[in-house]
Amino acid sequence: MIIKREIGEKGQIVIPKDIRDFLGLEKGEKVVFEVKDKEVILKKEQDTEQFLNDFFSIARLKNGGKNLSIKDIKKISEEQYELH
């Protein structure tokens, strides 16, 4: 989907309704701007608790359902986010 918008006097841009609906954005919600290689990615802010629950459930699966050490978490994080 490609939608063009003009930047206003204060540097503001209105997020088109189609995109708001697609991302499930409502008034007052927070979004995250991620800049990569001269591009901006707009994301709905993820709930911290939900993120941690998702991360640890995936991490436990990768660890055979066992509890994780700090070393295990660091290794999985590096693999997930290509931080090596």
PDB file of N, CA and C in Angstrom:
ATOM      1  N   MET A   1       0.856  -1.163   0.000  1.00  0.00           N
ATOM      2  CA  MET A   1       0.000   0.000   0.000  1.00  0.00           C
ATOM      3  C   MET A   1       0.909   1.234   0.000  1.00  0.00           C
ATOM      4  N   ILE A   2       0.693   2.130  -0.918  1.00  0.00           N
ATOM      5  CA  ILE A   2       1.450   3.383  -0.980  1.00  0.00           C
ATOM      6  C   ILE A   2       0.460   4.538  -0.922  1.00  0.00           C
ATOM      7  N   ILE A   3       0.659   5.418   0.055  1.00  0.00           N
ATOM      8  CA  ILE A   3      -0.194   6.584   0.223  1.00  0.00           C
ATOM      9  C   ILE A   3       0.719   7.781   0.442  1.00  0.00           C
ATOM     10  N   LYS A   4       0.484   8.851  -0.286  1.00  0.00           N
ATOM     11  CA  LYS A   4       1.297  10.060  -0.145  1.00  0.00           C
ATOM     12  C   LYS A   4       0.571  11.069   0.734  1.00  0.00           C
ATOM     13  N   ARG A   5       1.358  11.786   1.545  1.00  0.00           N
ATOM     14  CA  ARG A   5       0.826  12.850   2.380  1.00  0.00           C
ATOM     15  C   ARG A   5       1.789  14.020   2.358  1.00  0.00           C
ATOM     16  N   GLU A   6       1.263  15.219   2.548  1.00  0.00           N
ATOM     17  CA  GLU A   6       2.081  16.430   2.597  1.00  0.00           C
ATOM     18  C   GLU A   6       2.425  16.737   4.053  1.00  0.00           C
ATOM     19  N   ILE A   7       3.644  17.187   4.282  1.00  0.00           N
ATOM     20  CA  ILE A   7       4.076  17.568   5.619  1.00  0.00           C
ATOM     21  C   ILE A   7       3.559  18.976   5.899  1.00  0.00           C
ATOM     22  N   GLY A   8       2.904  19.156   7.037  1.00  0.00           N
ATOM     23  CA  GLY A   8       2.343  20.449   7.412  1.00  0.00           C
ATOM     24  C   GLY A   8       3.397  21.412   7.939  1.00  0.00           C
ATOM     25  N   GLU A   9       2.958  22.622   8.280  1.00  0.00           N
ATOM     26  CA  GLU A   9       3.855  23.682   8.753  1.00  0.00           C
ATOM     27  C   GLU A   9       4.674  23.276   9.967  1.00  0.00           C
ATOM     28  N   LYS A  10       4.096  22.483  10.850  1.00  0.00           N
ATOM     29  CA  LYS A  10       4.783  22.074  12.075  1.00  0.00           C
ATOM     30  C   LYS A  10       5.483  20.719  11.913  1.00  0.00           C
ATOM     31  N   GLY A  11       5.620  20.245  10.682  1.00  0.00           N
ATOM     32  CA  GLY A  11       6.283  18.969  10.431  1.00  0.00           C
ATOM     33  C   GLY A  11       5.400  17.761  10.702  1.00  0.00           C
ATOM     34  N   GLN A  12       4.112  17.986  10.788  1.00  0.00           N
ATOM     35  CA  GLN A  12       3.179  16.909  11.108  1.00  0.00           C
ATOM     36  C   GLN A  12       2.615  16.257   9.851  1.00  0.00           C
ATOM     37  N   ILE A  13       2.288  14.979  10.001  1.00  0.00           N
ATOM     38  CA  ILE A  13       1.655  14.209   8.932  1.00  0.00           C
ATOM     39  C   ILE A  13       0.478  13.461   9.551  1.00  0.00           C
ATOM     40  N   VAL A  14      -0.657  13.469   8.873  1.00  0.00           N
ATOM     41  CA  VAL A  14      -1.821  12.715   9.334  1.00  0.00           C
ATOM     42  C   VAL A  14      -1.668  11.279   8.832  1.00  0.00           C
ATOM     43  N   ILE A  15      -1.822  10.315   9.748  1.00  0.00           N
ATOM     44  CA  ILE A  15      -1.771   8.907   9.353  1.00  0.00           C
ATOM     45  C   ILE A  15      -3.106   8.576   8.704  1.00  0.00           C
ATOM     46  N   PRO A  16      -3.094   8.140   7.441  1.00  0.00           N
ATOM     47  CA  PRO A  16      -4.345   7.846   6.741  1.00  0.00           C
ATOM     48  C   PRO A  16      -5.202   6.809   7.481  1.00  0.00           C
ATOM     49  N   LYS A  17      -6.507   6.963   7.369  1.00  0.00           N
ATOM     50  CA  LYS A  17      -7.455   6.075   8.058  1.00  0.00           C
ATOM     51  C   LYS A  17      -7.215   4.617   7.704  1.00  0.00           C
ATOM     52  N   ASP A  18      -6.945   4.312   6.442  1.00  0.00           N
ATOM     53  CA  ASP A  18      -6.702   2.917   6.045  1.00  0.00           C
ATOM     54  C   ASP A  18      -5.540   2.316   6.831  1.00  0.00           C
ATOM     55  N   ILE A  19      -4.494   3.094   7.041  1.00  0.00           N
ATOM     56  CA  ILE A  19      -3.325   2.608   7.780  1.00  0.00           C
ATOM     57  C   ILE A  19      -3.655   2.492   9.268  1.00  0.00           C
ATOM     58  N   ARG A  20      -4.351   3.478   9.814  1.00  0.00           N
ATOM     59  CA  ARG A  20      -4.762   3.404  11.225  1.00  0.00           C
ATOM     60  C   ARG A  20      -5.605   2.168  11.480  1.00  0.00           C
ATOM     61  N   ASP A  21      -6.545   1.906  10.579  1.00  0.00           N
ATOM     62  CA  ASP A  21      -7.400   0.729  10.714  1.00  0.00           C
ATOM     63  C   ASP A  21      -6.574  -0.555  10.616  1.00  0.00           C
ATOM     64  N   PHE A  22      -5.663  -0.614   9.659  1.00  0.00           N
ATOM     65  CA  PHE A  22      -4.825  -1.792   9.445  1.00  0.00           C
ATOM     66  C   PHE A  22      -3.974  -2.093  10.680  1.00  0.00           C
ATOM     67  N   LEU A  23      -3.420  -1.045  11.306  1.00  0.00           N
ATOM     68  CA  LEU A  23      -2.579  -1.220  12.484  1.00  0.00           C
ATOM     69  C   LEU A  23      -3.378  -1.267  13.789  1.00  0.00           C
ATOM     70  N   GLY A  24      -4.678  -0.999  13.697  1.00  0.00           N
ATOM     71  CA  GLY A  24      -5.510  -0.990  14.895  1.00  0.00           C
ATOM     72  C   GLY A  24      -5.210   0.188  15.800  1.00  0.00           C
ATOM     73  N   LEU A  25      -4.858   1.327  15.201  1.00  0.00           N
ATOM     74  CA  LEU A  25      -4.521   2.525  15.971  1.00  0.00           C
ATOM     75  C   LEU A  25      -5.766   3.341  16.278  1.00  0.00           C
ATOM     76  N   GLU A  26      -5.851   3.782  17.526  1.00  0.00           N
ATOM     77  CA  GLU A  26      -6.949   4.642  17.943  1.00  0.00           C
ATOM     78  C   GLU A  26      -6.386   5.885  18.617  1.00  0.00           C
ATOM     79  N   LYS A  27      -7.207   6.897  18.756  1.00  0.00           N
ATOM     80  CA  LYS A  27      -6.788   8.158  19.364  1.00  0.00           C
ATOM     81  C   LYS A  27      -6.118   7.900  20.716  1.00  0.00           C
ATOM     82  N   GLY A  28      -4.977   8.552  20.933  1.00  0.00           N
ATOM     83  CA  GLY A  28      -4.269   8.448  22.197  1.00  0.00           C
ATOM     84  C   GLY A  28      -3.256   7.317  22.274  1.00  0.00           C
ATOM     85  N   GLU A  29      -3.285   6.394  21.312  1.00  0.00           N
ATOM     86  CA  GLU A  29      -2.310   5.300  21.337  1.00  0.00           C
ATOM     87  C   GLU A  29      -0.947   5.803  20.894  1.00  0.00           C
ATOM     88  N   LYS A  30       0.091   5.103  21.337  1.00  0.00           N
ATOM     89  CA  LYS A  30       1.443   5.487  20.983  1.00  0.00           C
ATOM     90  C   LYS A  30       1.944   4.627  19.826  1.00  0.00           C
ATOM     91  N   VAL A  31       2.776   5.255  19.008  1.00  0.00           N
ATOM     92  CA  VAL A  31       3.405   4.551  17.891  1.00  0.00           C
ATOM     93  C   VAL A  31       4.919   4.681  18.025  1.00  0.00           C
ATOM     94  N   VAL A  32       5.626   3.832  17.335  1.00  0.00           N
ATOM     95  CA  VAL A  32       7.084   3.834  17.337  1.00  0.00           C
ATOM     96  C   VAL A  32       7.555   4.120  15.921  1.00  0.00           C
ATOM     97  N   PHE A  33       8.498   5.053  15.779  1.00  0.00           N
ATOM     98  CA  PHE A  33       9.135   5.328  14.500  1.00  0.00           C
ATOM     99  C   PHE A  33      10.513   4.675  14.530  1.00  0.00           C
ATOM    100  N   GLU A  34      10.776   3.798  13.575  1.00  0.00           N
ATOM    101  CA  GLU A  34      12.082   3.152  13.473  1.00  0.00           C
ATOM    102  C   GLU A  34      12.726   3.609  12.164  1.00  0.00           C
ATOM    103  N   VAL A  35      13.932   4.130  12.245  1.00  0.00           N
ATOM    104  CA  VAL A  35      14.629   4.619  11.062  1.00  0.00           C
ATOM    105  C   VAL A  35      15.685   3.589  10.658  1.00  0.00           C
ATOM    106  N   LYS A  36      15.597   3.129   9.401  1.00  0.00           N
ATOM    107  CA  LYS A  36      16.545   2.163   8.855  1.00  0.00           C
ATOM    108  C   LYS A  36      16.883   2.567   7.432  1.00  0.00           C
ATOM    109  N   ASP A  37      18.158   2.730   7.169  1.00  0.00           N
ATOM    110  CA  ASP A  37      18.615   2.999   5.804  1.00  0.00           C
ATOM    111  C   ASP A  37      17.783   4.075   5.101  1.00  0.00           C
ATOM    112  N   LYS A  38      17.626   5.211   5.739  1.00  0.00           N
ATOM    113  CA  LYS A  38      16.903   6.359   5.181  1.00  0.00           C
ATOM    114  C   LYS A  38      15.417   6.074   4.931  1.00  0.00           C
ATOM    115  N   GLU A  39      14.865   5.098   5.634  1.00  0.00           N
ATOM    116  CA  GLU A  39      13.430   4.810   5.579  1.00  0.00           C
ATOM    117  C   GLU A  39      12.887   4.860   6.997  1.00  0.00           C
ATOM    118  N   VAL A  40      11.622   5.192   7.127  1.00  0.00           N
ATOM    119  CA  VAL A  40      10.972   5.232   8.433  1.00  0.00           C
ATOM    120  C   VAL A  40       9.907   4.154   8.471  1.00  0.00           C
ATOM    121  N   ILE A  41       9.954   3.345   9.534  1.00  0.00           N
ATOM    122  CA  ILE A  41       8.962   2.291   9.734  1.00  0.00           C
ATOM    123  C   ILE A  41       8.087   2.731  10.904  1.00  0.00           C
ATOM    124  N   LEU A  42       6.785   2.722  10.701  1.00  0.00           N
ATOM    125  CA  LEU A  42       5.824   3.103  11.726  1.00  0.00           C
ATOM    126  C   LEU A  42       5.205   1.834  12.290  1.00  0.00           C
ATOM    127  N   LYS A  43       5.260   1.694  13.616  1.00  0.00           N
ATOM    128  CA  LYS A  43       4.709   0.509  14.268  1.00  0.00           C
ATOM    129  C   LYS A  43       3.844   0.927  15.440  1.00  0.00           C
ATOM    130  N   LYS A  44       2.831   0.139  15.707  1.00  0.00           N
ATOM    131  CA  LYS A  44       2.046   0.322  16.917  1.00  0.00           C
ATOM    132  C   LYS A  44       2.935  -0.089  18.085  1.00  0.00           C
ATOM    133  N   GLU A  45       2.955   0.721  19.153  1.00  0.00           N
ATOM    134  CA  GLU A  45       3.786   0.393  20.302  1.00  0.00           C
ATOM    135  C   GLU A  45       3.289  -0.901  20.933  1.00  0.00           C
ATOM    136  N   GLN A  46       4.225  -1.797  21.169  1.00  0.00           N
ATOM    137  CA  GLN A  46       3.877  -3.083  21.749  1.00  0.00           C
ATOM    138  C   GLN A  46       3.868  -2.985  23.267  1.00  0.00           C
ATOM    139  N   ASP A  47       2.890  -3.596  23.877  1.00  0.00           N
ATOM    140  CA  ASP A  47       2.794  -3.646  25.327  1.00  0.00           C
ATOM    141  C   ASP A  47       4.012  -4.391  25.875  1.00  0.00           C
ATOM    142  N   THR A  48       4.716  -3.796  26.829  1.00  0.00           N
ATOM    143  CA  THR A  48       5.950  -4.364  27.374  1.00  0.00           C
ATOM    144  C   THR A  48       5.717  -5.742  27.972  1.00  0.00           C
ATOM    145  N   GLU A  49       4.660  -5.890  28.737  1.00  0.00           N
ATOM    146  CA  GLU A  49       4.373  -7.183  29.363  1.00  0.00           C
ATOM    147  C   GLU A  49       4.111  -8.250  28.305  1.00  0.00           C
ATOM    148  N   GLN A  50       3.360  -7.896  27.273  1.00  0.00           N
ATOM    149  CA  GLN A  50       3.069  -8.849  26.194  1.00  0.00           C
ATOM    150  C   GLN A  50       4.349  -9.222  25.457  1.00  0.00           C
ATOM    151  N   PHE A  51       5.221  -8.226  25.209  1.00  0.00           N
ATOM    152  CA  PHE A  51       6.494  -8.494  24.541  1.00  0.00           C
ATOM    153  C   PHE A  51       7.316  -9.503  25.340  1.00  0.00           C
ATOM    154  N   LEU A  52       7.430  -9.283  26.654  1.00  0.00           N
ATOM    155  CA  LEU A  52       8.214 -10.190  27.484  1.00  0.00           C
ATOM    156  C   LEU A  52       7.600 -11.586  27.521  1.00  0.00           C
ATOM    157  N   ASN A  53       6.284 -11.668  27.609  1.00  0.00           N
ATOM    158  CA  ASN A  53       5.623 -12.978  27.586  1.00  0.00           C
ATOM    159  C   ASN A  53       5.912 -13.702  26.275  1.00  0.00           C
ATOM    160  N   ASP A  54       5.797 -12.990  25.163  1.00  0.00           N
ATOM    161  CA  ASP A  54       6.074 -13.590  23.852  1.00  0.00           C
ATOM    162  C   ASP A  54       7.534 -14.025  23.754  1.00  0.00           C
ATOM    163  N   PHE A  55       8.445 -13.133  24.181  1.00  0.00           N
ATOM    164  CA  PHE A  55       9.874 -13.435  24.099  1.00  0.00           C
ATOM    165  C   PHE A  55      10.211 -14.685  24.902  1.00  0.00           C
ATOM    166  N   PHE A  56       9.753 -14.738  26.160  1.00  0.00           N
ATOM    167  CA  PHE A  56      10.112 -15.873  26.999  1.00  0.00           C
ATOM    168  C   PHE A  56       9.426 -17.165  26.570  1.00  0.00           C
ATOM    169  N   SER A  57       8.239 -17.085  26.005  1.00  0.00           N
ATOM    170  CA  SER A  57       7.604 -18.316  25.530  1.00  0.00           C
ATOM    171  C   SER A  57       8.369 -18.884  24.336  1.00  0.00           C
ATOM    172  N   ILE A  58       8.827 -18.017  23.448  1.00  0.00           N
ATOM    173  CA  ILE A  58       9.637 -18.464  22.306  1.00  0.00           C
ATOM    174  C   ILE A  58      10.990 -18.968  22.798  1.00  0.00           C
ATOM    175  N   ALA A  59      11.588 -18.231  23.735  1.00  0.00           N
ATOM    176  CA  ALA A  59      12.894 -18.607  24.266  1.00  0.00           C
ATOM    177  C   ALA A  59      12.831 -19.967  24.952  1.00  0.00           C
ATOM    178  N   ARG A  60      11.770 -20.235  25.733  1.00  0.00           N
ATOM    179  CA  ARG A  60      11.639 -21.538  26.394  1.00  0.00           C
ATOM    180  C   ARG A  60      11.498 -22.653  25.368  1.00  0.00           C
ATOM    181  N   LEU A  61      10.747 -22.394  24.302  1.00  0.00           N
ATOM    182  CA  LEU A  61      10.611 -23.409  23.246  1.00  0.00           C
ATOM    183  C   LEU A  61      11.973 -23.758  22.646  1.00  0.00           C
ATOM    184  N   LYS A  62      12.787 -22.725  22.403  1.00  0.00           N
ATOM    185  CA  LYS A  62      14.114 -22.947  21.832  1.00  0.00           C
ATOM    186  C   LYS A  62      15.035 -23.650  22.825  1.00  0.00           C
ATOM    187  N   ASN A  63      14.691 -23.617  24.100  1.00  0.00           N
ATOM    188  CA  ASN A  63      15.523 -24.211  25.147  1.00  0.00           C
ATOM    189  C   ASN A  63      14.890 -25.501  25.676  1.00  0.00           C
ATOM    190  N   GLY A  64      14.042 -26.113  24.871  1.00  0.00           N
ATOM    191  CA  GLY A  64      13.431 -27.380  25.267  1.00  0.00           C
ATOM    192  C   GLY A  64      12.478 -27.276  26.438  1.00  0.00           C
ATOM    193  N   GLY A  65      11.881 -26.100  26.659  1.00  0.00           N
ATOM    194  CA  GLY A  65      10.923 -25.907  27.740  1.00  0.00           C
ATOM    195  C   GLY A  65      11.569 -25.684  29.096  1.00  0.00           C
ATOM    196  N   LYS A  66      12.893 -25.606  29.136  1.00  0.00           N
ATOM    197  CA  LYS A  66      13.617 -25.431  30.401  1.00  0.00           C
ATOM    198  C   LYS A  66      13.725 -23.947  30.753  1.00  0.00           C
ATOM    199  N   ASN A  67      13.939 -23.680  32.045  1.00  0.00           N
ATOM    200  CA  ASN A  67      14.201 -22.308  32.479  1.00  0.00           C
ATOM    201  C   ASN A  67      15.475 -21.805  31.816  1.00  0.00           C
ATOM    202  N   LEU A  68      15.561 -20.510  31.646  1.00  0.00           N
ATOM    203  CA  LEU A  68      16.670 -19.914  30.909  1.00  0.00           C
ATOM    204  C   LEU A  68      17.656 -19.207  31.828  1.00  0.00           C
ATOM    205  N   SER A  69      18.929 -19.347  31.489  1.00  0.00           N
ATOM    206  CA  SER A  69      19.956 -18.584  32.189  1.00  0.00           C
ATOM    207  C   SER A  69      20.149 -17.258  31.458  1.00  0.00           C
ATOM    208  N   ILE A  70      20.872 -16.336  32.071  1.00  0.00           N
ATOM    209  CA  ILE A  70      21.181 -15.064  31.411  1.00  0.00           C
ATOM    210  C   ILE A  70      21.934 -15.330  30.103  1.00  0.00           C
ATOM    211  N   LYS A  71      22.853 -16.302  30.127  1.00  0.00           N
ATOM    212  CA  LYS A  71      23.618 -16.660  28.934  1.00  0.00           C
ATOM    213  C   LYS A  71      22.680 -17.148  27.816  1.00  0.00           C
ATOM    214  N   ASP A  72      21.691 -17.985  28.180  1.00  0.00           N
ATOM    215  CA  ASP A  72      20.711 -18.471  27.199  1.00  0.00           C
ATOM    216  C   ASP A  72      19.921 -17.316  26.596  1.00  0.00           C
ATOM    217  N   ILE A  73      19.471 -16.397  27.451  1.00  0.00           N
ATOM    218  CA  ILE A  73      18.672 -15.258  26.990  1.00  0.00           C
ATOM    219  C   ILE A  73      19.491 -14.385  26.044  1.00  0.00           C
ATOM    220  N   LYS A  74      20.741 -14.125  26.404  1.00  0.00           N
ATOM    221  CA  LYS A  74      21.605 -13.300  25.554  1.00  0.00           C
ATOM    222  C   LYS A  74      21.801 -13.965  24.192  1.00  0.00           C
ATOM    223  N   LYS A  75      22.056 -15.271  24.178  1.00  0.00           N
ATOM    224  CA  LYS A  75      22.264 -15.999  22.923  1.00  0.00           C
ATOM    225  C   LYS A  75      21.014 -15.935  22.036  1.00  0.00           C
ATOM    226  N   ILE A  76      19.846 -16.177  22.626  1.00  0.00           N
ATOM    227  CA  ILE A  76      18.589 -16.144  21.866  1.00  0.00           C
ATOM    228  C   ILE A  76      18.324 -14.738  21.351  1.00  0.00           C
ATOM    229  N   SER A  77      18.571 -13.727  22.200  1.00  0.00           N
ATOM    230  CA  SER A  77      18.372 -12.342  21.793  1.00  0.00           C
ATOM    231  C   SER A  77      19.268 -11.988  20.607  1.00  0.00           C
ATOM    232  N   GLU A  78      20.522 -12.394  20.672  1.00  0.00           N
ATOM    233  CA  GLU A  78      21.449 -12.114  19.578  1.00  0.00           C
ATOM    234  C   GLU A  78      21.001 -12.791  18.288  1.00  0.00           C
ATOM    235  N   GLU A  79      20.532 -14.033  18.409  1.00  0.00           N
ATOM    236  CA  GLU A  79      20.041 -14.752  17.229  1.00  0.00           C
ATOM    237  C   GLU A  79      18.801 -14.072  16.653  1.00  0.00           C
ATOM    238  N   GLN A  80      17.881 -13.700  17.542  1.00  0.00           N
ATOM    239  CA  GLN A  80      16.612 -13.102  17.116  1.00  0.00           C
ATOM    240  C   GLN A  80      16.810 -11.768  16.430  1.00  0.00           C
ATOM    241  N   TYR A  81      17.717 -10.948  16.984  1.00  0.00           N
ATOM    242  CA  TYR A  81      17.885  -9.590  16.482  1.00  0.00           C
ATOM    243  C   TYR A  81      19.191  -9.402  15.743  1.00  0.00           C
ATOM    244  N   GLU A  82      19.862 -10.510  15.408  1.00  0.00           N
ATOM    245  CA  GLU A  82      21.085 -10.488  14.625  1.00  0.00           C
ATOM    246  C   GLU A  82      22.100  -9.489  15.187  1.00  0.00           C
ATOM    247  N   LEU A  83      22.393  -9.614  16.493  1.00  0.00           N
ATOM    248  CA  LEU A  83      23.289  -8.688  17.170  1.00  0.00           C
ATOM    249  C   LEU A  83      24.726  -9.211  17.250  1.00  0.00           C
ATOM    250  N   HIS A  84      25.041 -10.284  16.586  1.00  0.00           N
ATOM    251  CA  HIS A  84      26.389 -10.851  16.697  1.00  0.00           C
ATOM    252  C   HIS A  84      27.341 -10.239  15.727  1.00  0.00           C
TER     253      HIS A  84
END
